[in-house]
Structure formats: C-alpha cells, structure tokens
Amino acid sequence: MSKAPFVKVSKKLVLDKEVPATTKSVYLTLCNFRNNETGIANPTRRSIMRSAGIGDTTLTKSLRILVERGYIEITPNYIKDEFGQFTGERTSNSYKILDV
C-alpha cells in the first residue's frame, strides 16, 4: 500500500452529474486545503484558482453551486483591530466541507 498522502472527497459529489467538472475541481482543491480535524479550509481565492486551473468568474460560479447543492458552507472572515474589534474590512473566507 502506498504511503503517499491522499485527499478524502465525497463520493456523492463525484457521482453528481449536475455538478460540472470545474466545480468538482474546486471542491477537490478545497478538500486538499481542509483541516481534517475541523473540516474547514482557509485558502485564498487566488490559491483556489491556481490549484483548480480556473478563473475568478468560474470560481464564483463553482462556489455558488457547491453551496446550493449542500457540499460546503462559506463563512466570511473580517479583520480585527488592535482591540479585537471587527473593522468591517473583509479578508478571506473559511470553507466548511460538509459531510454528505
């Protein structure tokens, strides 16, 4: 048996004929960045696009599909000031990979 690292993905998504290949690539990328203890991935949009080999518009569409079909949840992250208060300035997203 190989000792190479692997990525665990949802078989339901792999078999979902309603999900385009580019969206599956985004999902696979998120799974690759996922913390296996929390189920949360925190890659930048740029990292996702580079890894999945897609552009910004395709990423936006793919994330929408993954949310609508119940494969992920997206939580926006915001910058805190030196007092721990949110500034309202958005930084990145956290992507929770859902058990399906």
Protein backbone atom coordinates (compact mmCIF):
# COMPACT_ATOMS: atom_id res chain seq x y z
CA MET A 1 0.00 0.00 0.00
CA SER A 2 1.25 3.46 -0.91
CA LYS A 3 2.40 5.87 1.80
CA ALA A 4 1.65 8.86 -0.43
CA PRO A 5 -0.75 11.47 1.01
CA PHE A 6 -4.29 11.45 -0.30
CA VAL A 7 -7.40 13.64 -0.20
CA LYS A 8 -10.76 12.38 1.00
CA VAL A 9 -13.70 13.59 -1.10
CA SER A 10 -17.44 12.98 -1.11
CA LYS A 11 -18.46 10.07 -3.32
CA LYS A 12 -21.85 11.76 -3.66
CA LEU A 13 -20.19 14.78 -5.30
CA VAL A 14 -18.03 12.61 -7.55
CA LEU A 15 -21.17 10.89 -8.87
CA ASP A 16 -23.33 14.07 -9.01
CA LYS A 17 -24.00 14.56 -12.73
CA GLU A 18 -25.41 18.05 -12.09
CA VAL A 19 -22.01 19.34 -10.93
CA PRO A 20 -19.63 20.45 -13.72
CA ALA A 21 -16.05 19.15 -13.79
CA THR A 22 -14.66 22.61 -13.00
CA THR A 23 -16.80 22.75 -9.84
CA LYS A 24 -15.58 19.30 -8.84
CA SER A 25 -12.04 20.60 -9.29
CA VAL A 26 -12.81 23.47 -6.90
CA TYR A 27 -14.27 21.01 -4.38
CA LEU A 28 -11.19 18.79 -4.67
CA THR A 29 -8.98 21.83 -4.12
CA LEU A 30 -10.93 22.81 -1.00
CA CYS A 31 -10.63 19.23 0.29
CA ASN A 32 -6.89 19.42 -0.29
CA PHE A 33 -6.67 22.56 1.88
CA ARG A 34 -9.07 21.19 4.55
CA ASN A 35 -8.00 20.76 8.15
CA ASN A 36 -9.10 17.17 8.77
CA GLU A 37 -9.91 17.85 12.44
CA THR A 38 -12.17 20.86 11.84
CA GLY A 39 -13.33 20.17 8.28
CA ILE A 40 -12.53 23.80 7.43
CA ALA A 41 -10.32 25.09 4.62
CA ASN A 42 -8.93 28.63 4.51
CA PRO A 43 -7.25 29.06 1.12
CA THR A 44 -7.26 32.39 -0.66
CA ARG A 45 -9.30 32.75 -3.84
CA ARG A 46 -6.03 33.04 -5.73
CA SER A 47 -4.80 29.73 -4.28
CA ILE A 48 -8.05 28.00 -5.24
CA MET A 49 -7.95 29.39 -8.78
CA ARG A 50 -4.30 28.45 -9.26
CA SER A 51 -4.77 24.92 -7.92
CA ALA A 52 -8.04 24.27 -9.80
CA GLY A 53 -6.77 25.88 -13.01
CA ILE A 54 -9.73 28.26 -13.34
CA GLY A 55 -10.50 31.99 -13.39
CA ASP A 56 -12.37 34.26 -11.00
CA THR A 57 -15.79 34.05 -12.69
CA THR A 58 -15.66 30.25 -12.80
CA LEU A 59 -14.62 30.15 -9.13
CA THR A 60 -17.55 32.33 -8.10
CA LYS A 61 -19.99 30.16 -10.06
CA SER A 62 -18.47 26.93 -8.71
CA LEU A 63 -18.65 28.09 -5.08
CA ARG A 64 -22.30 29.07 -5.59
CA ILE A 65 -23.08 25.60 -6.97
CA LEU A 66 -21.29 23.86 -4.09
CA VAL A 67 -23.22 25.92 -1.52
CA GLU A 68 -26.58 25.45 -3.27
CA ARG A 69 -26.11 21.67 -3.54
CA GLY A 70 -25.09 21.39 0.13
CA TYR A 71 -21.45 20.39 -0.25
CA ILE A 72 -19.87 23.40 1.51
CA GLU A 73 -20.68 26.36 3.75
CA ILE A 74 -18.85 29.67 3.36
CA THR A 75 -18.12 31.99 6.28
CA PRO A 76 -16.57 35.39 5.58
CA ASN A 77 -13.62 36.46 7.75
CA TYR A 78 -13.05 40.04 8.85
CA ILE A 79 -10.01 41.97 10.12
CA LYS A 80 -9.88 42.85 13.82
CA ASP A 81 -8.19 45.98 15.13
CA GLU A 82 -5.65 46.07 17.98
CA PHE A 83 -8.54 45.98 20.48
CA GLY A 84 -10.07 42.84 19.00
CA GLN A 85 -12.96 44.70 17.39
CA PHE A 86 -14.01 43.90 13.83
CA THR A 87 -13.11 46.71 11.45
CA GLY A 88 -15.66 45.71 8.83
CA GLU A 89 -12.88 45.04 6.35
CA ARG A 90 -13.22 41.59 4.85
CA THR A 91 -10.14 39.41 4.40
CA SER A 92 -10.94 35.92 3.19
CA ASN A 93 -13.41 33.09 3.56
CA SER A 94 -13.48 29.89 5.55
CA TYR A 95 -14.93 26.92 3.68
CA LYS A 96 -16.55 24.16 5.72
CA ILE A 97 -16.62 20.86 3.86
CA LEU A 98 -19.94 19.25 4.79
CA ASP A 99 -20.44 15.55 5.40
CA VAL A 100 -22.76 14.37 2.64
